[in-house]
PDB file of N, CA and C in Angstrom:
ATOM      1  N   MET A   1     -42.571 -28.198  35.017  1.00  0.00           N
ATOM      2  CA  MET A   1     -43.541 -27.029  35.570  1.00  0.00           C
ATOM      3  C   MET A   1     -42.487 -26.384  35.857  1.00  0.00           C
ATOM      4  N   ALA A   2     -41.142 -26.443  36.481  1.00  0.00           N
ATOM      5  CA  ALA A   2     -40.063 -25.374  36.210  1.00  0.00           C
ATOM      6  C   ALA A   2     -40.009 -24.884  34.766  1.00  0.00           C
ATOM      7  N   ASP A   3     -39.972 -25.333  34.058  1.00  0.00           N
ATOM      8  CA  ASP A   3     -39.270 -25.299  32.819  1.00  0.00           C
ATOM      9  C   ASP A   3     -40.523 -24.241  32.286  1.00  0.00           C
ATOM     10  N   SER A   4     -41.871 -24.518  32.286  1.00  0.00           N
ATOM     11  CA  SER A   4     -42.639 -23.125  31.783  1.00  0.00           C
ATOM     12  C   SER A   4     -42.230 -22.332  33.092  1.00  0.00           C
ATOM     13  N   LEU A   5     -42.229 -22.468  34.151  1.00  0.00           N
ATOM     14  CA  LEU A   5     -41.618 -20.917  35.162  1.00  0.00           C
ATOM     15  C   LEU A   5     -40.434 -20.286  33.790  1.00  0.00           C
ATOM     16  N   TYR A   6     -39.875 -20.796  34.166  1.00  0.00           N
ATOM     17  CA  TYR A   6     -38.890 -19.694  33.308  1.00  0.00           C
ATOM     18  C   TYR A   6     -39.142 -19.759  31.840  1.00  0.00           C
ATOM     19  N   ALA A   7     -39.668 -20.125  31.140  1.00  0.00           N
ATOM     20  CA  ALA A   7     -39.787 -19.813  30.547  1.00  0.00           C
ATOM     21  C   ALA A   7     -40.790 -18.427  30.545  1.00  0.00           C
ATOM     22  N   CYS A   8     -41.801 -19.286  30.983  1.00  0.00           N
ATOM     23  CA  CYS A   8     -42.369 -17.253  31.240  1.00  0.00           C
ATOM     24  C   CYS A   8     -42.037 -16.051  31.763  1.00  0.00           C
ATOM     25  N   LEU A   9     -40.965 -16.486  32.693  1.00  0.00           N
ATOM     26  CA  LEU A   9     -39.834 -15.402  33.320  1.00  0.00           C
ATOM     27  C   LEU A   9     -38.989 -14.708  31.748  1.00  0.00           C
ATOM     28  N   PHE A  10     -38.592 -16.031  31.420  1.00  0.00           N
ATOM     29  CA  PHE A  10     -37.926 -15.385  30.382  1.00  0.00           C
ATOM     30  C   PHE A  10     -38.858 -14.549  29.301  1.00  0.00           C
ATOM     31  N   LEU A  11     -40.509 -15.389  28.939  1.00  0.00           N
ATOM     32  CA  LEU A  11     -41.282 -14.298  27.963  1.00  0.00           C
ATOM     33  C   LEU A  11     -41.680 -12.249  28.815  1.00  0.00           C
ATOM     34  N   ILE A  12     -41.592 -12.755  29.994  1.00  0.00           N
ATOM     35  CA  ILE A  12     -41.394 -11.396  30.519  1.00  0.00           C
ATOM     36  C   ILE A  12     -40.607 -10.671  30.397  1.00  0.00           C
ATOM     37  N   LEU A  13     -39.280 -10.659  31.300  1.00  0.00           N
ATOM     38  CA  LEU A  13     -37.851  -9.814  30.659  1.00  0.00           C
ATOM     39  C   LEU A  13     -38.104  -9.734  29.470  1.00  0.00           C
ATOM     40  N   ALA A  14     -37.762 -10.270  28.405  1.00  0.00           N
ATOM     41  CA  ALA A  14     -38.006 -10.178  26.966  1.00  0.00           C
ATOM     42  C   ALA A  14     -38.562  -9.342  26.901  1.00  0.00           C
ATOM     43  N   SER A  15     -39.864  -9.078  26.700  1.00  0.00           N
ATOM     44  CA  SER A  15     -41.232  -8.304  26.366  1.00  0.00           C
ATOM     45  C   SER A  15     -40.687  -6.730  27.554  1.00  0.00           C
ATOM     46  N   ALA A  16     -40.262  -6.830  28.493  1.00  0.00           N
ATOM     47  CA  ALA A  16     -39.813  -5.591  28.738  1.00  0.00           C
ATOM     48  C   ALA A  16     -38.674  -4.893  28.449  1.00  0.00           C
ATOM     49  N   GLY A  17     -37.687  -5.414  27.983  1.00  0.00           N
ATOM     50  CA  GLY A  17     -36.780  -5.015  26.865  1.00  0.00           C
ATOM     51  C   GLY A  17     -36.485  -4.415  25.541  1.00  0.00           C
ATOM     52  N   PHE A  18     -38.055  -5.365  24.808  1.00  0.00           N
ATOM     53  CA  PHE A  18     -38.225  -4.387  23.907  1.00  0.00           C
ATOM     54  C   PHE A  18     -39.395  -3.614  23.511  1.00  0.00           C
ATOM     55  N   SER A  19     -39.634  -3.394  24.914  1.00  0.00           N
ATOM     56  CA  SER A  19     -40.302  -1.946  25.640  1.00  0.00           C
ATOM     57  C   SER A  19     -40.679  -0.483  24.510  1.00  0.00           C
ATOM     58  N   SER A  20     -38.614  -0.260  24.918  1.00  0.00           N
ATOM     59  CA  SER A  20     -38.411   0.892  24.275  1.00  0.00           C
ATOM     60  C   SER A  20     -38.379   0.468  22.711  1.00  0.00           C
ATOM     61  N   ALA A  21     -38.511  -0.310  22.117  1.00  0.00           N
ATOM     62  CA  ALA A  21     -38.813  -0.460  20.778  1.00  0.00           C
ATOM     63  C   ALA A  21     -40.488  -0.502  19.994  1.00  0.00           C
ATOM     64  N   ALA A  22     -40.703  -0.519  20.546  1.00  0.00           N
ATOM     65  CA  ALA A  22     -42.451  -0.109  20.906  1.00  0.00           C
ATOM     66  C   ALA A  22     -42.666   1.075  20.606  1.00  0.00           C
ATOM     67  N   HIS A  23     -42.191   1.371  21.529  1.00  0.00           N
ATOM     68  CA  HIS A  23     -42.484   3.194  22.157  1.00  0.00           C
ATOM     69  C   HIS A  23     -41.992   3.616  20.667  1.00  0.00           C
ATOM     70  N   ALA A  24     -40.901   3.308  20.172  1.00  0.00           N
ATOM     71  CA  ALA A  24     -40.622   4.055  18.934  1.00  0.00           C
ATOM     72  C   ALA A  24     -41.362   3.947  17.801  1.00  0.00           C
ATOM     73  N   CYS A  25     -42.538   3.313  17.755  1.00  0.00           N
ATOM     74  CA  CYS A  25     -43.554   3.037  16.825  1.00  0.00           C
ATOM     75  C   CYS A  25     -43.514   3.947  16.042  1.00  0.00           C
ATOM     76  N   THR A  26     -43.695   4.242  14.830  1.00  0.00           N
ATOM     77  CA  THR A  26     -43.839   5.699  13.764  1.00  0.00           C
ATOM     78  C   THR A  26     -45.037   5.445  13.655  1.00  0.00           C
ATOM     79  N   VAL A  27     -45.599   4.409  13.420  1.00  0.00           N
ATOM     80  CA  VAL A  27     -46.735   4.188  12.771  1.00  0.00           C
ATOM     81  C   VAL A  27     -48.389   4.388  14.017  1.00  0.00           C
ATOM     82  N   CYS A  28     -47.897   4.381  15.203  1.00  0.00           N
ATOM     83  CA  CYS A  28     -48.861   5.046  16.026  1.00  0.00           C
ATOM     84  C   CYS A  28     -48.714   5.826  17.278  1.00  0.00           C
ATOM     85  N   GLY A  29     -47.570   6.509  15.922  1.00  0.00           N
ATOM     86  CA  GLY A  29     -46.746   7.643  17.238  1.00  0.00           C
ATOM     87  C   GLY A  29     -48.056   8.766  17.056  1.00  0.00           C
ATOM     88  N   PHE A  30     -49.012   9.146  15.927  1.00  0.00           N
ATOM     89  CA  PHE A  30     -49.586  10.470  15.889  1.00  0.00           C
ATOM     90  C   PHE A  30     -48.131  11.792  15.364  1.00  0.00           C
ATOM     91  N   GLY A  31     -47.809  11.620  14.505  1.00  0.00           N
ATOM     92  CA  GLY A  31     -47.219  12.760  14.206  1.00  0.00           C
ATOM     93  C   GLY A  31     -47.638  14.073  13.393  1.00  0.00           C
ATOM     94  N   GLN A  32     -46.755  14.822  14.028  1.00  0.00           N
ATOM     95  CA  GLN A  32     -47.429  15.536  12.365  1.00  0.00           C
ATOM     96  C   GLN A  32     -47.543  15.805  11.188  1.00  0.00           C
ATOM     97  N   ASP A  33     -47.529  15.030  10.241  1.00  0.00           N
ATOM     98  CA  ASP A  33     -47.980  14.357   8.881  1.00  0.00           C
ATOM     99  C   ASP A  33     -49.218  14.645   8.549  1.00  0.00           C
ATOM    100  N   GLY A  34     -49.983  14.376   9.629  1.00  0.00           N
ATOM    101  CA  GLY A  34     -50.935  14.660   8.753  1.00  0.00           C
ATOM    102  C   GLY A  34     -52.333  13.339   8.892  1.00  0.00           C
ATOM    103  N   SER A  35     -51.876  12.243   9.603  1.00  0.00           N
ATOM    104  CA  SER A  35     -51.588  10.921   9.440  1.00  0.00           C
ATOM    105  C   SER A  35     -52.674  10.058  10.374  1.00  0.00           C
ATOM    106  N   GLN A  36     -53.267  11.410  10.970  1.00  0.00           N
ATOM    107  CA  GLN A  36     -54.074  11.123  12.421  1.00  0.00           C
ATOM    108  C   GLN A  36     -55.398  10.489  11.949  1.00  0.00           C
ATOM    109  N   GLY A  37     -56.139  11.723  11.159  1.00  0.00           N
ATOM    110  CA  GLY A  37     -57.287  11.121  10.396  1.00  0.00           C
ATOM    111  C   GLY A  37     -57.232   9.268   9.876  1.00  0.00           C
ATOM    112  N   PRO A  38     -56.221   9.156   8.495  1.00  0.00           N
ATOM    113  CA  PRO A  38     -56.532   7.508   7.805  1.00  0.00           C
ATOM    114  C   PRO A  38     -55.980   6.858   9.554  1.00  0.00           C
ATOM    115  N   PHE A  39     -55.645   7.299  10.214  1.00  0.00           N
ATOM    116  CA  PHE A  39     -55.250   6.310  11.273  1.00  0.00           C
ATOM    117  C   PHE A  39     -56.335   6.282  12.622  1.00  0.00           C
ATOM    118  N   LEU A  40     -56.919   7.557  12.643  1.00  0.00           N
ATOM    119  CA  LEU A  40     -58.308   6.419  13.481  1.00  0.00           C
ATOM    120  C   LEU A  40     -59.354   5.490  12.410  1.00  0.00           C
ATOM    121  N   LEU A  41     -59.353   6.107  11.029  1.00  0.00           N
ATOM    122  CA  LEU A  41     -60.416   5.400   9.961  1.00  0.00           C
ATOM    123  C   LEU A  41     -60.110   4.179  10.039  1.00  0.00           C
ATOM    124  N   THR A  42     -58.617   3.321  10.128  1.00  0.00           N
ATOM    125  CA  THR A  42     -58.001   1.819   9.486  1.00  0.00           C
ATOM    126  C   THR A  42     -58.514   1.579  11.317  1.00  0.00           C
ATOM    127  N   THR A  43     -58.363   2.521  12.567  1.00  0.00           N
ATOM    128  CA  THR A  43     -58.548   1.446  13.842  1.00  0.00           C
ATOM    129  C   THR A  43     -59.873   1.189  13.441  1.00  0.00           C
ATOM    130  N   ALA A  44     -60.956   2.026  13.013  1.00  0.00           N
ATOM    131  CA  ALA A  44     -62.252   1.935  13.234  1.00  0.00           C
ATOM    132  C   ALA A  44     -62.844   0.962  12.464  1.00  0.00           C
ATOM    133  N   LEU A  45     -61.881   0.856  11.549  1.00  0.00           N
ATOM    134  CA  LEU A  45     -62.362  -0.217  10.899  1.00  0.00           C
ATOM    135  C   LEU A  45     -62.198  -1.341  10.958  1.00  0.00           C
ATOM    136  N   MET A  46     -61.087  -1.629  11.182  1.00  0.00           N
ATOM    137  CA  MET A  46     -60.207  -2.970  12.052  1.00  0.00           C
ATOM    138  C   MET A  46     -61.143  -3.343  12.721  1.00  0.00           C
ATOM    139  N   THR A  47     -61.977  -2.212  14.032  1.00  0.00           N
ATOM    140  CA  THR A  47     -62.536  -3.041  15.018  1.00  0.00           C
ATOM    141  C   THR A  47     -63.647  -3.489  14.931  1.00  0.00           C
ATOM    142  N   MET A  48     -64.778  -2.852  14.066  1.00  0.00           N
ATOM    143  CA  MET A  48     -66.193  -3.059  13.387  1.00  0.00           C
ATOM    144  C   MET A  48     -66.240  -4.181  12.552  1.00  0.00           C
ATOM    145  N   MET A  49     -65.408  -4.311  11.674  1.00  0.00           N
ATOM    146  CA  MET A  49     -65.418  -5.293  10.847  1.00  0.00           C
ATOM    147  C   MET A  49     -65.486  -6.922  11.497  1.00  0.00           C
ATOM    148  N   PRO A  50     -64.932  -7.180  12.399  1.00  0.00           N
ATOM    149  CA  PRO A  50     -65.560  -9.058  12.902  1.00  0.00           C
ATOM    150  C   PRO A  50     -66.931  -8.158  13.360  1.00  0.00           C
ATOM    151  N   LEU A  51     -67.205  -6.882  13.909  1.00  0.00           N
ATOM    152  CA  LEU A  51     -68.730  -7.787  15.011  1.00  0.00           C
ATOM    153  C   LEU A  51     -69.243  -7.586  13.711  1.00  0.00           C
ATOM    154  N   LEU A  52     -69.234  -6.758  12.997  1.00  0.00           N
ATOM    155  CA  LEU A  52     -70.188  -6.812  11.934  1.00  0.00           C
ATOM    156  C   LEU A  52     -70.544  -8.186  10.936  1.00  0.00           C
ATOM    157  N   PHE A  53     -68.788  -9.141  10.494  1.00  0.00           N
ATOM    158  CA  PHE A  53     -68.931 -10.285  10.161  1.00  0.00           C
ATOM    159  C   PHE A  53     -70.224 -10.878  11.251  1.00  0.00           C
ATOM    160  N   VAL A  54     -69.478 -11.054  12.174  1.00  0.00           N
ATOM    161  CA  VAL A  54     -70.044 -12.072  13.256  1.00  0.00           C
ATOM    162  C   VAL A  54     -71.482 -11.592  13.188  1.00  0.00           C
ATOM    163  N   GLY A  55     -72.463 -10.098  13.161  1.00  0.00           N
ATOM    164  CA  GLY A  55     -73.532  -9.759  13.456  1.00  0.00           C
ATOM    165  C   GLY A  55     -74.279 -10.699  12.126  1.00  0.00           C
ATOM    166  N   GLY A  56     -73.796  -9.966  11.115  1.00  0.00           N
ATOM    167  CA  GLY A  56     -74.740 -10.614   9.720  1.00  0.00           C
ATOM    168  C   GLY A  56     -74.907 -12.100   9.653  1.00  0.00           C
ATOM    169  N   ALA A  57     -73.338 -12.580  10.104  1.00  0.00           N
ATOM    170  CA  ALA A  57     -73.617 -14.463  10.078  1.00  0.00           C
ATOM    171  C   ALA A  57     -74.944 -14.618  11.273  1.00  0.00           C
ATOM    172  N   VAL A  58     -74.741 -14.286  12.721  1.00  0.00           N
ATOM    173  CA  VAL A  58     -75.788 -14.116  13.355  1.00  0.00           C
ATOM    174  C   VAL A  58     -77.162 -14.376  12.611  1.00  0.00           C
ATOM    175  N   TYR A  59     -77.149 -12.678  12.142  1.00  0.00           N
ATOM    176  CA  TYR A  59     -78.337 -12.333  11.047  1.00  0.00           C
ATOM    177  C   TYR A  59     -79.099 -12.978  10.249  1.00  0.00           C
ATOM    178  N   TYR A  60     -77.868 -13.788   9.822  1.00  0.00           N
ATOM    179  CA  TYR A  60     -78.171 -14.930   8.537  1.00  0.00           C
ATOM    180  C   TYR A  60     -78.883 -16.472   9.055  1.00  0.00           C
ATOM    181  N   ILE A  61     -78.677 -16.980   9.822  1.00  0.00           N
ATOM    182  CA  ILE A  61     -78.577 -18.027  10.265  1.00  0.00           C
ATOM    183  C   ILE A  61     -79.627 -18.101  10.903  1.00  0.00           C
ATOM    184  N   ARG A  62     -79.777 -16.445  12.189  1.00  0.00           N
ATOM    185  CA  ARG A  62     -81.104 -16.626  12.535  1.00  0.00           C
ATOM    186  C   ARG A  62     -82.589 -16.999  11.916  1.00  0.00           C
ATOM    187  N   ARG A  63     -82.224 -15.786  10.257  1.00  0.00           N
ATOM    188  CA  ARG A  63     -83.448 -15.870   9.716  1.00  0.00           C
ATOM    189  C   ARG A  63     -83.422 -16.973   8.761  1.00  0.00           C
ATOM    190  N   ARG A  64     -82.329 -17.566   8.692  1.00  0.00           N
ATOM    191  CA  ARG A  64     -82.800 -19.578   8.311  1.00  0.00           C
ATOM    192  C   ARG A  64     -83.595 -20.278   8.803  1.00  0.00           C
ATOM    193  N   LEU A  65     -83.442 -20.007  10.208  1.00  0.00           N
ATOM    194  CA  LEU A  65     -83.867 -20.853  10.944  1.00  0.00           C
ATOM    195  C   LEU A  65     -85.122 -20.854  11.277  1.00  0.00           C
ATOM    196  N   LYS A  66     -85.317 -19.183  11.189  1.00  0.00           N
ATOM    197  CA  LYS A  66     -86.831 -19.363  11.039  1.00  0.00           C
ATOM    198  C   LYS A  66     -87.566 -19.527   9.797  1.00  0.00           C
ATOM    199  N   SER A  67     -87.031 -18.920   9.472  1.00  0.00           N
ATOM    200  CA  SER A  67     -87.633 -19.415   7.339  1.00  0.00           C
ATOM    201  C   SER A  67     -88.547 -21.107   7.468  1.00  0.00           C
ATOM    202  N   ARG A  68     -87.278 -21.789   7.906  1.00  0.00           N
ATOM    203  CA  ARG A  68     -87.430 -23.590   8.112  1.00  0.00           C
ATOM    204  C   ARG A  68     -88.226 -24.052   9.372  1.00  0.00           C
ATOM    205  N   SER A  69     -88.751 -23.006  10.401  1.00  0.00           N
ATOM    206  CA  SER A  69     -89.540 -22.999  10.952  1.00  0.00           C
ATOM    207  C   SER A  69     -91.298 -23.170  10.843  1.00  0.00           C
ATOM    208  N   HIS A  70     -91.001 -22.005   9.599  1.00  0.00           N
ATOM    209  CA  HIS A  70     -91.721 -21.781   8.983  1.00  0.00           C
ATOM    210  C   HIS A  70     -92.734 -22.575   7.700  1.00  0.00           C
ATOM    211  N   ASP A  71     -91.777 -23.114   7.060  1.00  0.00           N
ATOM    212  CA  ASP A  71     -91.841 -23.898   6.370  1.00  0.00           C
ATOM    213  C   ASP A  71     -92.742 -25.094   6.593  1.00  0.00           C
ATOM    214  N   GLU A  72     -91.874 -25.802   8.061  1.00  0.00           N
ATOM    215  CA  GLU A  72     -92.367 -26.364   8.700  1.00  0.00           C
ATOM    216  C   GLU A  72     -93.794 -26.644   9.856  1.00  0.00           C
ATOM    217  N   GLY A  73     -93.569 -25.728  10.003  1.00  0.00           N
ATOM    218  CA  GLY A  73     -94.703 -25.356  10.665  1.00  0.00           C
ATOM    219  C   GLY A  73     -96.310 -24.901   9.783  1.00  0.00           C
TER     220      GLY A  73
END
């Protein structure tokens, strides 16, 4: 129990030490080089793709189950 507490405390302190490195990230910085549009586009794409995959899978499974129940009934 104490080992996991020490490990958790170490991770918290280590992440606090690396926060300045994360703040200096050039990818998320929205510089003046015109990268705002592509950055927002890829962010939206990466947000929507998993939702579309799950929605497509649910739609496909639901459609297959309906066609099976219609064929049996």
